[in-house]
C-alpha atoms as a PDB file:
ATOM      1  CA  MET A   1      11.093  10.257 -83.584  1.00  0.00           C
ATOM      2  CA  ASN A   2      13.911  11.774 -81.621  1.00  0.00           C
ATOM      3  CA  LYS A   3      11.683  14.386 -80.125  1.00  0.00           C
ATOM      4  CA  ARG A   4       9.146  11.761 -79.185  1.00  0.00           C
ATOM      5  CA  PHE A   5      11.832   9.571 -77.716  1.00  0.00           C
ATOM      6  CA  LEU A   6      13.311  12.465 -75.780  1.00  0.00           C
ATOM      7  CA  PHE A   7       9.858  13.383 -74.465  1.00  0.00           C
ATOM      8  CA  GLN A   8       9.175   9.807 -73.346  1.00  0.00           C
ATOM      9  CA  HIS A   9      12.625   9.615 -71.822  1.00  0.00           C
ATOM     10  CA  TRP A  10      11.971  12.882 -70.005  1.00  0.00           C
ATOM     11  CA  LEU A  11       8.649  11.558 -68.690  1.00  0.00           C
ATOM     12  CA  TRP A  12      10.339   8.372 -67.533  1.00  0.00           C
ATOM     13  CA  LEU A  13      13.002  10.355 -65.721  1.00  0.00           C
ATOM     14  CA  CYS A  14      10.382  12.568 -64.091  1.00  0.00           C
ATOM     15  CA  GLY A  15       8.387   9.534 -63.086  1.00  0.00           C
ATOM     16  CA  MET A  16      11.439   7.893 -61.594  1.00  0.00           C
ATOM     17  CA  ALA A  17      12.378  11.073 -59.797  1.00  0.00           C
ATOM     18  CA  LEU A  18       8.848  11.406 -58.430  1.00  0.00           C
ATOM     19  CA  PHE A  19       8.860   7.754 -57.379  1.00  0.00           C
ATOM     20  CA  LEU A  20      12.174   8.191 -55.596  1.00  0.00           C
ATOM     21  CA  ILE A  21      10.934  11.339 -53.903  1.00  0.00           C
ATOM     22  CA  LEU A  22       7.707   9.638 -52.784  1.00  0.00           C
ATOM     23  CA  PHE A  23       9.564   6.511 -51.734  1.00  0.00           C
ATOM     24  CA  SER A  24      12.060   8.577 -49.762  1.00  0.00           C
ATOM     25  CA  CYS A  25       9.288  10.599 -48.143  1.00  0.00           C
ATOM     26  CA  GLY A  26       7.353   7.441 -47.336  1.00  0.00           C
ATOM     27  CA  PHE A  27      10.394   5.722 -45.894  1.00  0.00           C
ATOM     28  CA  TRP A  28      11.248   8.885 -43.925  1.00  0.00           C
ATOM     29  CA  CYS A  29       7.706   9.074 -42.563  1.00  0.00           C
ATOM     30  CA  TYR A  30       7.763   5.379 -41.739  1.00  0.00           C
ATOM     31  CA  ARG A  31      11.014   5.823 -39.811  1.00  0.00           C
ATOM     32  CA  ILE A  32       9.571   8.747 -37.854  1.00  0.00           C
ATOM     33  CA  VAL A  33       6.088   7.360 -37.260  1.00  0.00           C
ATOM     34  CA  CYS A  34       5.885   3.577 -37.399  1.00  0.00           C
ATOM     35  CA  ALA A  35       9.373   2.069 -37.194  1.00  0.00           C
ATOM     36  CA  PRO A  36      10.501   0.602 -33.837  1.00  0.00           C
ATOM     37  CA  ASN A  37      12.459   3.266 -31.971  1.00  0.00           C
ATOM     38  CA  PHE A  38      12.563   2.075 -28.351  1.00  0.00           C
ATOM     39  CA  PHE A  39      14.790  -0.855 -27.449  1.00  0.00           C
ATOM     40  CA  PRO A  40      14.960  -1.506 -23.682  1.00  0.00           C
ATOM     41  CA  ASP A  41      16.024  -5.036 -22.727  1.00  0.00           C
ATOM     42  CA  LYS A  42      12.641  -5.537 -21.068  1.00  0.00           C
ATOM     43  CA  PRO A  43       9.552  -3.404 -20.405  1.00  0.00           C
ATOM     44  CA  VAL A  44      10.479  -0.313 -18.381  1.00  0.00           C
ATOM     45  CA  TYR A  45       8.457   2.407 -16.710  1.00  0.00           C
ATOM     46  CA  VAL A  46       8.763   6.121 -17.253  1.00  0.00           C
ATOM     47  CA  TYR A  47       7.362   8.392 -14.545  1.00  0.00           C
ATOM     48  CA  ILE A  48       6.022  11.873 -15.209  1.00  0.00           C
ATOM     49  CA  ASP A  49       5.252  13.975 -12.161  1.00  0.00           C
ATOM     50  CA  GLU A  50       4.302  17.631 -11.905  1.00  0.00           C
ATOM     51  CA  ARG A  51       7.960  18.678 -11.781  1.00  0.00           C
ATOM     52  CA  LYS A  52       9.100  16.851 -14.908  1.00  0.00           C
ATOM     53  CA  ASP A  53       9.376  19.039 -18.015  1.00  0.00           C
ATOM     54  CA  TRP A  54       9.736  18.162 -21.694  1.00  0.00           C
ATOM     55  CA  ASP A  55      13.523  17.963 -21.570  1.00  0.00           C
ATOM     56  CA  GLY A  56      13.366  15.724 -18.495  1.00  0.00           C
ATOM     57  CA  LEU A  57      10.946  13.368 -20.236  1.00  0.00           C
ATOM     58  CA  CYS A  58      13.133  13.175 -23.343  1.00  0.00           C
ATOM     59  CA  LYS A  59      16.158  12.365 -21.217  1.00  0.00           C
ATOM     60  CA  ALA A  60      14.221   9.613 -19.408  1.00  0.00           C
ATOM     61  CA  LEU A  61      13.116   8.132 -22.732  1.00  0.00           C
ATOM     62  CA  GLU A  62      16.667   8.148 -23.997  1.00  0.00           C
ATOM     63  CA  ASP A  63      18.306   6.834 -20.825  1.00  0.00           C
ATOM     64  CA  SER A  64      15.706   4.443 -19.428  1.00  0.00           C
ATOM     65  CA  ALA A  65      13.656   3.456 -22.470  1.00  0.00           C
ATOM     66  CA  ALA A  66      16.608   3.259 -24.907  1.00  0.00           C
ATOM     67  CA  CYS A  67      15.139   5.617 -27.499  1.00  0.00           C
ATOM     68  CA  MET A  68      17.439   5.171 -30.540  1.00  0.00           C
ATOM     69  CA  HIS A  69      16.487   8.281 -32.521  1.00  0.00           C
ATOM     70  CA  LEU A  70      15.336  10.909 -30.054  1.00  0.00           C
ATOM     71  CA  ASN A  71      15.027  13.646 -32.682  1.00  0.00           C
ATOM     72  CA  SER A  72      12.458  11.613 -34.618  1.00  0.00           C
ATOM     73  CA  PHE A  73      10.415  11.187 -31.421  1.00  0.00           C
ATOM     74  CA  LYS A  74      10.597  14.919 -30.753  1.00  0.00           C
ATOM     75  CA  MET A  75       9.515  15.684 -34.320  1.00  0.00           C
ATOM     76  CA  LEU A  76       6.452  13.441 -34.162  1.00  0.00           C
ATOM     77  CA  ALA A  77       5.551  14.784 -30.705  1.00  0.00           C
ATOM     78  CA  GLU A  78       5.588  18.292 -32.168  1.00  0.00           C
ATOM     79  CA  TRP A  79       3.405  17.225 -35.095  1.00  0.00           C
ATOM     80  CA  MET A  80       0.927  15.613 -32.700  1.00  0.00           C
ATOM     81  CA  ASN A  81       0.900  18.645 -30.385  1.00  0.00           C
ATOM     82  CA  TYR A  82       2.147  16.670 -27.391  1.00  0.00           C
ATOM     83  CA  ALA A  83       5.479  18.280 -26.543  1.00  0.00           C
ATOM     84  CA  GLY A  84       3.997  21.016 -24.368  1.00  0.00           C
ATOM     85  CA  HIS A  85       1.139  19.006 -22.899  1.00  0.00           C
ATOM     86  CA  LEU A  86       2.637  16.370 -20.592  1.00  0.00           C
ATOM     87  CA  ARG A  87       0.261  14.285 -18.491  1.00  0.00           C
ATOM     88  CA  THR A  88       1.423  12.890 -15.175  1.00  0.00           C
ATOM     89  CA  GLY A  89       1.554   9.161 -14.720  1.00  0.00           C
ATOM     90  CA  ARG A  90       3.500   5.917 -14.885  1.00  0.00           C
ATOM     91  CA  TYR A  91       3.945   4.666 -18.429  1.00  0.00           C
ATOM     92  CA  ARG A  92       5.127   1.253 -19.648  1.00  0.00           C
ATOM     93  CA  ILE A  93       7.559   1.266 -22.562  1.00  0.00           C
ATOM     94  CA  ARG A  94       7.867  -2.116 -24.286  1.00  0.00           C
ATOM     95  CA  PRO A  95      10.759  -3.181 -26.513  1.00  0.00           C
ATOM     96  CA  GLU A  96      10.355  -2.164 -30.182  1.00  0.00           C
ATOM     97  CA  MET A  97       7.588   0.352 -29.619  1.00  0.00           C
ATOM     98  CA  SER A  98       7.277   3.011 -32.308  1.00  0.00           C
ATOM     99  CA  ASN A  99       7.227   6.762 -31.821  1.00  0.00           C
ATOM    100  CA  LEU A 100       3.532   6.793 -32.713  1.00  0.00           C
ATOM    101  CA  GLU A 101       2.686   4.187 -30.060  1.00  0.00           C
ATOM    102  CA  VAL A 102       4.631   6.040 -27.384  1.00  0.00           C
ATOM    103  CA  VAL A 103       3.313   9.504 -28.247  1.00  0.00           C
ATOM    104  CA  ARG A 104      -0.281   8.260 -28.336  1.00  0.00           C
ATOM    105  CA  MET A 105       0.163   6.511 -24.981  1.00  0.00           C
ATOM    106  CA  LEU A 106       1.705   9.580 -23.336  1.00  0.00           C
ATOM    107  CA  ARG A 107      -0.694  12.073 -24.911  1.00  0.00           C
ATOM    108  CA  ASN A 108      -3.793  10.043 -23.990  1.00  0.00           C
ATOM    109  CA  GLY A 109      -2.570   9.331 -20.451  1.00  0.00           C
ATOM    110  CA  GLN A 110      -2.732   5.558 -20.939  1.00  0.00           C
ATOM    111  CA  GLN A 111      -0.958   4.640 -17.720  1.00  0.00           C
ATOM    112  CA  ALA A 112       0.178   1.300 -16.373  1.00  0.00           C
ATOM    113  CA  ALA A 113      -1.290   0.661 -12.938  1.00  0.00           C
ATOM    114  CA  VAL A 114       1.043   0.325  -9.959  1.00  0.00           C
ATOM    115  CA  ARG A 115       0.617  -2.432  -7.385  1.00  0.00           C
ATOM    116  CA  PHE A 116       0.359  -0.556  -4.103  1.00  0.00           C
ATOM    117  CA  THR A 117       1.256  -2.914  -1.264  1.00  0.00           C
ATOM    118  CA  PHE A 118       1.282  -2.455   2.492  1.00  0.00           C
ATOM    119  CA  HIS A 119       1.613  -5.074   5.205  1.00  0.00           C
ATOM    120  CA  SER A 120       2.864  -5.034   8.804  1.00  0.00           C
ATOM    121  CA  VAL A 121       2.036  -1.349   9.215  1.00  0.00           C
ATOM    122  CA  ARG A 122       1.802   0.009  12.741  1.00  0.00           C
ATOM    123  CA  THR A 123       0.956   3.733  12.583  1.00  0.00           C
ATOM    124  CA  LYS A 124      -0.628   6.312  10.330  1.00  0.00           C
ATOM    125  CA  GLU A 125       2.831   7.741   9.804  1.00  0.00           C
ATOM    126  CA  ASP A 126       4.093   4.364   8.549  1.00  0.00           C
ATOM    127  CA  LEU A 127       1.158   4.120   6.169  1.00  0.00           C
ATOM    128  CA  VAL A 128       1.688   7.631   4.806  1.00  0.00           C
ATOM    129  CA  GLU A 129       5.375   6.879   4.281  1.00  0.00           C
ATOM    130  CA  LYS A 130       4.562   3.773   2.239  1.00  0.00           C
ATOM    131  CA  ALA A 131       2.037   5.670   0.119  1.00  0.00           C
ATOM    132  CA  ASP A 132       4.493   8.521  -0.387  1.00  0.00           C
ATOM    133  CA  LYS A 133       7.162   6.083  -1.621  1.00  0.00           C
ATOM    134  CA  GLN A 134       4.928   4.035  -3.916  1.00  0.00           C
ATOM    135  CA  LEU A 135       2.657   6.735  -5.347  1.00  0.00           C
ATOM    136  CA  MET A 136       3.060  10.252  -6.731  1.00  0.00           C
ATOM    137  CA  LEU A 137       0.925  11.833  -4.017  1.00  0.00           C
ATOM    138  CA  ASP A 138       2.470  14.082  -1.375  1.00  0.00           C
ATOM    139  CA  GLY A 139       2.481  12.466   2.058  1.00  0.00           C
ATOM    140  CA  SER A 140       1.733  15.783   3.753  1.00  0.00           C
ATOM    141  CA  ASP A 141      -1.496  16.118   1.757  1.00  0.00           C
ATOM    142  CA  LEU A 142      -2.539  12.624   2.796  1.00  0.00           C
ATOM    143  CA  THR A 143      -1.719  13.367   6.430  1.00  0.00           C
ATOM    144  CA  ALA A 144      -3.901  16.472   6.294  1.00  0.00           C
ATOM    145  CA  TYR A 145      -6.923  14.306   5.509  1.00  0.00           C
ATOM    146  CA  LEU A 146      -6.119  11.711   8.168  1.00  0.00           C
ATOM    147  CA  ASP A 147      -5.744  14.426  10.809  1.00  0.00           C
ATOM    148  CA  ASP A 148      -8.967  16.193   9.843  1.00  0.00           C
ATOM    149  CA  GLU A 149     -11.576  15.194  12.433  1.00  0.00           C
ATOM    150  CA  GLN A 150     -14.498  16.286  10.234  1.00  0.00           C
ATOM    151  CA  TRP A 151     -13.263  14.287   7.255  1.00  0.00           C
ATOM    152  CA  CYS A 152     -12.584  11.223   9.434  1.00  0.00           C
ATOM    153  CA  ASP A 153     -16.121  11.466  10.782  1.00  0.00           C
ATOM    154  CA  SER A 154     -17.516  11.575   7.239  1.00  0.00           C
ATOM    155  CA  MET A 155     -15.791   8.220   6.625  1.00  0.00           C
ATOM    156  CA  GLY A 156     -17.228   6.706   9.819  1.00  0.00           C
ATOM    157  CA  PHE A 157     -14.087   6.974  11.968  1.00  0.00           C
ATOM    158  CA  ASP A 158     -12.257   9.442  14.174  1.00  0.00           C
ATOM    159  CA  ARG A 159      -8.629  10.525  14.277  1.00  0.00           C
ATOM    160  CA  ALA A 160      -7.741   7.631  16.590  1.00  0.00           C
ATOM    161  CA  THR A 161      -9.324   4.964  14.371  1.00  0.00           C
ATOM    162  CA  ILE A 162      -9.046   6.287  10.796  1.00  0.00           C
ATOM    163  CA  GLN A 163      -6.124   3.949  10.005  1.00  0.00           C
ATOM    164  CA  LEU A 164      -8.536   1.031  10.392  1.00  0.00           C
ATOM    165  CA  MET A 165     -10.030   2.064   7.048  1.00  0.00           C
ATOM    166  CA  PHE A 166      -6.920   0.570   5.429  1.00  0.00           C
ATOM    167  CA  ILE A 167      -7.033  -3.207   5.019  1.00  0.00           C
ATOM    168  CA  PRO A 168      -3.460  -4.453   4.378  1.00  0.00           C
ATOM    169  CA  ASN A 169      -3.283  -5.959   0.898  1.00  0.00           C
ATOM    170  CA  THR A 170      -2.048  -5.251  -2.622  1.00  0.00           C
ATOM    171  CA  TYR A 171      -4.137  -2.850  -4.701  1.00  0.00           C
ATOM    172  CA  GLU A 172      -3.833  -1.725  -8.312  1.00  0.00           C
ATOM    173  CA  LEU A 173      -3.879   2.054  -8.556  1.00  0.00           C
ATOM    174  CA  TYR A 174      -2.728   4.713 -10.958  1.00  0.00           C
ATOM    175  CA  TRP A 175       0.575   6.132  -9.778  1.00  0.00           C
ATOM    176  CA  ASN A 176      -0.674   9.731 -10.026  1.00  0.00           C
ATOM    177  CA  VAL A 177      -3.841   9.103  -7.987  1.00  0.00           C
ATOM    178  CA  SER A 178      -4.767  12.114  -5.862  1.00  0.00           C
ATOM    179  CA  PRO A 179      -4.906  11.805  -2.058  1.00  0.00           C
ATOM    180  CA  ARG A 180      -8.670  12.183  -2.115  1.00  0.00           C
ATOM    181  CA  ARG A 181      -9.207   9.499  -4.758  1.00  0.00           C
ATOM    182  CA  PHE A 182      -6.733   7.239  -2.991  1.00  0.00           C
ATOM    183  CA  LEU A 183      -8.696   7.526   0.246  1.00  0.00           C
ATOM    184  CA  GLN A 184     -11.998   6.992  -1.545  1.00  0.00           C
ATOM    185  CA  ARG A 185     -10.580   3.796  -3.035  1.00  0.00           C
ATOM    186  CA  MET A 186      -9.415   2.595   0.396  1.00  0.00           C
ATOM    187  CA  LYS A 187     -12.881   3.263   1.831  1.00  0.00           C
ATOM    188  CA  LYS A 188     -14.424   1.275  -1.024  1.00  0.00           C
ATOM    189  CA  GLU A 189     -12.081  -1.636  -0.284  1.00  0.00           C
ATOM    190  CA  TYR A 190     -12.915  -1.364   3.434  1.00  0.00           C
ATOM    191  CA  ASP A 191     -16.647  -1.549   2.706  1.00  0.00           C
ATOM    192  CA  ARG A 192     -16.054  -4.515   0.404  1.00  0.00           C
ATOM    193  CA  PHE A 193     -14.040  -6.278   3.113  1.00  0.00           C
ATOM    194  CA  TRP A 194     -16.682  -5.666   5.753  1.00  0.00           C
ATOM    195  CA  ASP A 195     -19.355  -7.459   3.782  1.00  0.00           C
ATOM    196  CA  GLY A 196     -22.580  -8.696   5.287  1.00  0.00           C
ATOM    197  CA  GLN A 197     -21.026 -11.889   6.641  1.00  0.00           C
ATOM    198  CA  ARG A 198     -18.235 -10.200   8.597  1.00  0.00           C
ATOM    199  CA  THR A 199     -20.550  -7.469   9.873  1.00  0.00           C
ATOM    200  CA  ALA A 200     -23.019 -10.105  11.060  1.00  0.00           C
ATOM    201  CA  LYS A 201     -20.278 -12.006  12.908  1.00  0.00           C
ATOM    202  CA  ALA A 202     -19.163  -8.801  14.635  1.00  0.00           C
ATOM    203  CA  ALA A 203     -22.732  -8.141  15.752  1.00  0.00           C
ATOM    204  CA  GLN A 204     -22.982 -11.664  17.163  1.00  0.00           C
ATOM    205  CA  ILE A 205     -19.894 -11.019  19.278  1.00  0.00           C
ATOM    206  CA  GLY A 206     -21.368  -7.710  20.421  1.00  0.00           C
ATOM    207  CA  LEU A 207     -18.671  -5.565  18.812  1.00  0.00           C
ATOM    208  CA  THR A 208     -18.620  -3.052  15.995  1.00  0.00           C
ATOM    209  CA  PRO A 209     -16.255  -3.567  13.037  1.00  0.00           C
ATOM    210  CA  VAL A 210     -13.997  -0.855  14.471  1.00  0.00           C
ATOM    211  CA  GLU A 211     -13.923  -2.582  17.879  1.00  0.00           C
ATOM    212  CA  VAL A 212     -13.149  -5.916  16.218  1.00  0.00           C
ATOM    213  CA  ALA A 213     -10.220  -4.321  14.395  1.00  0.00           C
ATOM    214  CA  ILE A 214      -8.917  -2.664  17.583  1.00  0.00           C
ATOM    215  CA  LEU A 215      -8.979  -6.026  19.340  1.00  0.00           C
ATOM    216  CA  ALA A 216      -7.306  -7.654  16.319  1.00  0.00           C
ATOM    217  CA  SER A 217      -4.481  -5.125  16.542  1.00  0.00           C
ATOM    218  CA  ILE A 218      -3.813  -6.231  20.129  1.00  0.00           C
ATOM    219  CA  VAL A 219      -4.059  -9.915  19.234  1.00  0.00           C
ATOM    220  CA  GLU A 220      -1.484  -9.530  16.460  1.00  0.00           C
ATOM    221  CA  GLU A 221       0.942  -7.718  18.759  1.00  0.00           C
ATOM    222  CA  GLU A 222       0.594 -10.437  21.375  1.00  0.00           C
ATOM    223  CA  SER A 223       1.910 -13.250  19.211  1.00  0.00           C
ATOM    224  CA  ALA A 224       4.095 -13.817  16.175  1.00  0.00           C
ATOM    225  CA  VAL A 225       2.359 -17.164  15.674  1.00  0.00           C
ATOM    226  CA  PRO A 226      -0.870 -16.691  13.670  1.00  0.00           C
ATOM    227  CA  ASP A 227      -2.328 -20.043  14.712  1.00  0.00           C
ATOM    228  CA  GLU A 228      -2.564 -18.637  18.267  1.00  0.00           C
ATOM    229  CA  TYR A 229      -4.651 -15.640  17.157  1.00  0.00           C
ATOM    230  CA  PRO A 230      -8.106 -17.272  17.588  1.00  0.00           C
ATOM    231  CA  THR A 231      -7.185 -18.531  21.088  1.00  0.00           C
ATOM    232  CA  ILE A 232      -5.860 -15.121  22.163  1.00  0.00           C
ATOM    233  CA  ALA A 233      -8.940 -13.424  20.695  1.00  0.00           C
ATOM    234  CA  GLY A 234     -11.174 -15.789  22.652  1.00  0.00           C
ATOM    235  CA  LEU A 235      -9.273 -15.021  25.855  1.00  0.00           C
ATOM    236  CA  TYR A 236      -9.765 -11.273  25.480  1.00  0.00           C
ATOM    237  CA  ILE A 237     -13.420 -11.670  24.557  1.00  0.00           C
ATOM    238  CA  ASN A 238     -13.870 -13.721  27.731  1.00  0.00           C
ATOM    239  CA  ARG A 239     -12.344 -10.882  29.750  1.00  0.00           C
ATOM    240  CA  LEU A 240     -14.483  -8.252  27.996  1.00  0.00           C
ATOM    241  CA  LYS A 241     -17.645 -10.217  28.718  1.00  0.00           C
ATOM    242  CA  ARG A 242     -16.728 -10.447  32.419  1.00  0.00           C
ATOM    243  CA  GLY A 243     -15.802  -6.771  32.660  1.00  0.00           C
ATOM    244  CA  MET A 244     -12.172  -7.638  33.415  1.00  0.00           C
ATOM    245  CA  PRO A 245      -9.370  -5.333  32.243  1.00  0.00           C
ATOM    246  CA  LEU A 246      -7.631  -6.776  29.201  1.00  0.00           C
ATOM    247  CA  GLN A 247      -4.204  -6.320  30.831  1.00  0.00           C
ATOM    248  CA  ALA A 248      -2.532  -6.663  27.444  1.00  0.00           C
ATOM    249  CA  ASP A 249       1.205  -5.963  27.554  1.00  0.00           C
ATOM    250  CA  PRO A 250       1.347  -4.610  23.973  1.00  0.00           C
ATOM    251  CA  THR A 251      -1.033  -1.810  24.914  1.00  0.00           C
ATOM    252  CA  VAL A 252       1.369  -0.819  27.700  1.00  0.00           C
ATOM    253  CA  LYS A 253       4.231  -0.711  25.201  1.00  0.00           C
ATOM    254  CA  PHE A 254       2.091   1.485  22.968  1.00  0.00           C
ATOM    255  CA  ALA A 255       1.192   3.759  25.889  1.00  0.00           C
ATOM    256  CA  VAL A 256       4.859   4.075  26.862  1.00  0.00           C
ATOM    257  CA  GLY A 257       5.781   4.734  23.235  1.00  0.00           C
ATOM    258  CA  ASP A 258       8.257   1.879  22.897  1.00  0.00           C
ATOM    259  CA  MET A 259       7.039  -1.232  21.085  1.00  0.00           C
ATOM    260  CA  THR A 260      10.506  -2.803  21.381  1.00  0.00           C
ATOM    261  CA  LEU A 261      10.251  -3.340  25.156  1.00  0.00           C
ATOM    262  CA  ARG A 262      11.188  -6.922  26.014  1.00  0.00           C
ATOM    263  CA  ARG A 263      10.067  -6.797  29.628  1.00  0.00           C
ATOM    264  CA  ILE A 264       7.133  -4.952  31.169  1.00  0.00           C
ATOM    265  CA  LEU A 265       7.985  -3.531  34.598  1.00  0.00           C
ATOM    266  CA  ASN A 266       5.693  -2.168  37.313  1.00  0.00           C
ATOM    267  CA  THR A 267       6.737   1.366  36.403  1.00  0.00           C
ATOM    268  CA  HIS A 268       5.427   0.770  32.866  1.00  0.00           C
ATOM    269  CA  LEU A 269       2.103  -0.474  34.219  1.00  0.00           C
ATOM    270  CA  GLU A 270       1.603   2.858  35.999  1.00  0.00           C
ATOM    271  CA  THR A 271       1.746   4.834  32.765  1.00  0.00           C
ATOM    272  CA  GLU A 272      -1.343   7.013  32.523  1.00  0.00           C
ATOM    273  CA  SER A 273      -2.851   6.538  29.093  1.00  0.00           C
ATOM    274  CA  PRO A 274      -6.232   5.428  27.711  1.00  0.00           C
ATOM    275  CA  TYR A 275      -4.228   2.758  25.871  1.00  0.00           C
ATOM    276  CA  ASN A 276      -2.942   1.213  29.097  1.00  0.00           C
ATOM    277  CA  THR A 277      -5.359  -1.696  29.526  1.00  0.00           C
ATOM    278  CA  TYR A 278      -3.973  -2.447  32.984  1.00  0.00           C
ATOM    279  CA  LYS A 279      -5.357   0.882  34.259  1.00  0.00           C
ATOM    280  CA  HIS A 280      -8.426   1.177  32.033  1.00  0.00           C
ATOM    281  CA  ALA A 281     -11.035  -1.522  31.405  1.00  0.00           C
ATOM    282  CA  GLY A 282     -12.416  -2.246  27.959  1.00  0.00           C
ATOM    283  CA  LEU A 283     -10.830  -1.633  24.599  1.00  0.00           C
ATOM    284  CA  PRO A 284      -8.454   1.286  24.031  1.00  0.00           C
ATOM    285  CA  PRO A 285      -9.743   4.194  21.921  1.00  0.00           C
ATOM    286  CA  GLY A 286      -7.827   3.090  18.836  1.00  0.00           C
ATOM    287  CA  PRO A 287      -5.673   0.335  17.377  1.00  0.00           C
ATOM    288  CA  ILE A 288      -2.047  -0.178  18.360  1.00  0.00           C
ATOM    289  CA  ARG A 289      -1.254  -1.256  14.794  1.00  0.00           C
ATOM    290  CA  ILE A 290      -3.141  -1.676  11.522  1.00  0.00           C
ATOM    291  CA  PRO A 291      -4.434  -5.250  11.772  1.00  0.00           C
ATOM    292  CA  SER A 292      -4.310  -7.692   8.895  1.00  0.00           C
ATOM    293  CA  ALA A 293      -7.294  -9.529   7.441  1.00  0.00           C
ATOM    294  CA  THR A 294      -5.964 -12.640   9.212  1.00  0.00           C
ATOM    295  CA  GLY A 295      -6.070 -10.905  12.591  1.00  0.00           C
ATOM    296  CA  ILE A 296      -9.555  -9.501  12.028  1.00  0.00           C
ATOM    297  CA  ASP A 297     -10.902 -12.874  10.925  1.00  0.00           C
ATOM    298  CA  ALA A 298      -9.277 -14.503  13.965  1.00  0.00           C
ATOM    299  CA  VAL A 299     -11.363 -12.241  16.211  1.00  0.00           C
ATOM    300  CA  LEU A 300     -14.535 -12.850  14.204  1.00  0.00           C
ATOM    301  CA  ASN A 301     -13.918 -16.594  14.368  1.00  0.00           C
ATOM    302  CA  TYR A 302     -12.407 -16.695  17.844  1.00  0.00           C
ATOM    303  CA  ARG A 303     -11.935 -19.979  19.670  1.00  0.00           C
ATOM    304  CA  ARG A 304     -14.473 -20.684  22.413  1.00  0.00           C
ATOM    305  CA  HIS A 305     -12.727 -21.754  25.628  1.00  0.00           C
ATOM    306  CA  GLY A 306     -12.444 -20.844  29.318  1.00  0.00           C
ATOM    307  CA  TYR A 307      -9.046 -19.150  29.308  1.00  0.00           C
ATOM    308  CA  LEU A 308      -8.647 -15.808  31.055  1.00  0.00           C
ATOM    309  CA  TYR A 309      -4.863 -15.565  31.311  1.00  0.00           C
ATOM    310  CA  MET A 310      -1.860 -15.990  29.067  1.00  0.00           C
ATOM    311  CA  CYS A 311       1.890 -15.841  29.514  1.00  0.00           C
ATOM    312  CA  ALA A 312       4.749 -16.236  27.071  1.00  0.00           C
ATOM    313  CA  LYS A 313       6.394 -19.652  27.232  1.00  0.00           C
ATOM    314  CA  ASP A 314       9.747 -19.747  28.955  1.00  0.00           C
ATOM    315  CA  ASP A 315      11.357 -21.423  25.933  1.00  0.00           C
ATOM    316  CA  PHE A 316      11.033 -18.101  24.046  1.00  0.00           C
ATOM    317  CA  SER A 317       9.393 -19.900  21.137  1.00  0.00           C
ATOM    318  CA  GLY A 318       7.002 -17.007  20.684  1.00  0.00           C
ATOM    319  CA  ARG A 319       4.121 -19.149  21.869  1.00  0.00           C
ATOM    320  CA  HIS A 320       2.051 -18.827  25.043  1.00  0.00           C
ATOM    321  CA  ASN A 321       0.749 -20.829  27.965  1.00  0.00           C
ATOM    322  CA  PHE A 322      -2.979 -20.277  28.475  1.00  0.00           C
ATOM    323  CA  SER A 323      -4.795 -20.803  31.760  1.00  0.00           C
ATOM    324  CA  ALA A 324      -8.249 -20.498  33.228  1.00  0.00           C
ATOM    325  CA  THR A 325      -7.188 -19.750  36.809  1.00  0.00           C
ATOM    326  CA  LEU A 326      -5.006 -17.065  38.337  1.00  0.00           C
ATOM    327  CA  GLY A 327      -3.017 -19.648  40.298  1.00  0.00           C
ATOM    328  CA  GLU A 328      -2.023 -21.542  37.180  1.00  0.00           C
ATOM    329  CA  HIS A 329      -1.197 -18.263  35.441  1.00  0.00           C
ATOM    330  CA  ASN A 330       1.035 -17.138  38.311  1.00  0.00           C
ATOM    331  CA  ARG A 331       3.021 -20.361  38.065  1.00  0.00           C
ATOM    332  CA  ASN A 332       3.481 -19.842  34.325  1.00  0.00           C
ATOM    333  CA  ALA A 333       4.481 -16.222  34.904  1.00  0.00           C
ATOM    334  CA  GLU A 334       7.020 -17.184  37.579  1.00  0.00           C
ATOM    335  CA  ARG A 335       8.749 -19.612  35.219  1.00  0.00           C
ATOM    336  CA  TYR A 336       8.864 -16.944  32.516  1.00  0.00           C
ATOM    337  CA  ARG A 337      10.262 -14.287  34.883  1.00  0.00           C
ATOM    338  CA  ALA A 338      12.922 -16.726  36.066  1.00  0.00           C
ATOM    339  CA  GLU A 339      14.007 -17.284  32.487  1.00  0.00           C
ATOM    340  CA  LEU A 340      14.086 -13.534  31.858  1.00  0.00           C
ATOM    341  CA  ASN A 341      16.364 -13.127  34.866  1.00  0.00           C
ATOM    342  CA  LYS A 342      18.536 -16.019  33.726  1.00  0.00           C
ATOM    343  CA  ARG A 343      18.966 -14.403  30.325  1.00  0.00           C
ATOM    344  CA  LYS A 344      19.535 -11.034  31.989  1.00  0.00           C
ATOM    345  CA  ILE A 345      16.632  -9.374  30.215  1.00  0.00           C
ATOM    346  CA  TYR A 346      15.646  -6.431  32.370  1.00  0.00           C
END
């Protein structure tokens, strides 16, 4: 009896010991694999570029993503063969994510898209700077494409017009997109923008999409008041149809290299440049800024009228007086010049 009791007692103790061992192992595995281990106050983003190593990632997870038990994350990453195989990207860490969720996301490259936004961009350099700040790509690599005449030609542009391929908007992209894929995406968006309807309207005006965009860039620089855009576009189209020089002051500023000029003087008008529309008839060879969709559509849907001249109003409201005759325009211009002199703007 005693022996039997002792044997049963021994089995019970072994069973309990095994249960405790299994329970402990299970709880330990749960803590390492499935238990919440990241506790940021709100979703945060961890960035992995080509320069970030394993130690740098771990520090970012601890500092930015509030990883509570970093050693458990490291252990699971080793088990899942991730530690030495980082993939670049922008990753979203949510509150209470487990080590398993984070390791799987990082190992599989399951990135969160970035909203790449650009508006009010004037030059290629401005555009490259915005891309360089918002995406992982190197701005110098992007510039190399935009300055490559052969590549520009393959996209349907030249070096003077390639920036017109970029339609200002907000686009969802992966942060680690390569320059080439980024440009391919922008060309796809350009083709989508210039759908059959817009292309048909351009043809009706007698302009190509590139010429429409060049004109839109001038229209947008002429006025800070968008509701004037269709009227200004109609004025310039009237001049183009009559073979008259555009005589657009913003193109002179661009030719001089100073878009902040507040007063155009005769010396500025003598600047020799294909962008000086006082000296050269027709459109300049490229845009003087990257026009918005609003500016492009204003040209495509320009207002029909008889105006050939425009002059800023002397109240400095940002609006313009439009006229059909040179005499009326000269009177408007004289009032504006008098106000410039009064305000000592030289």
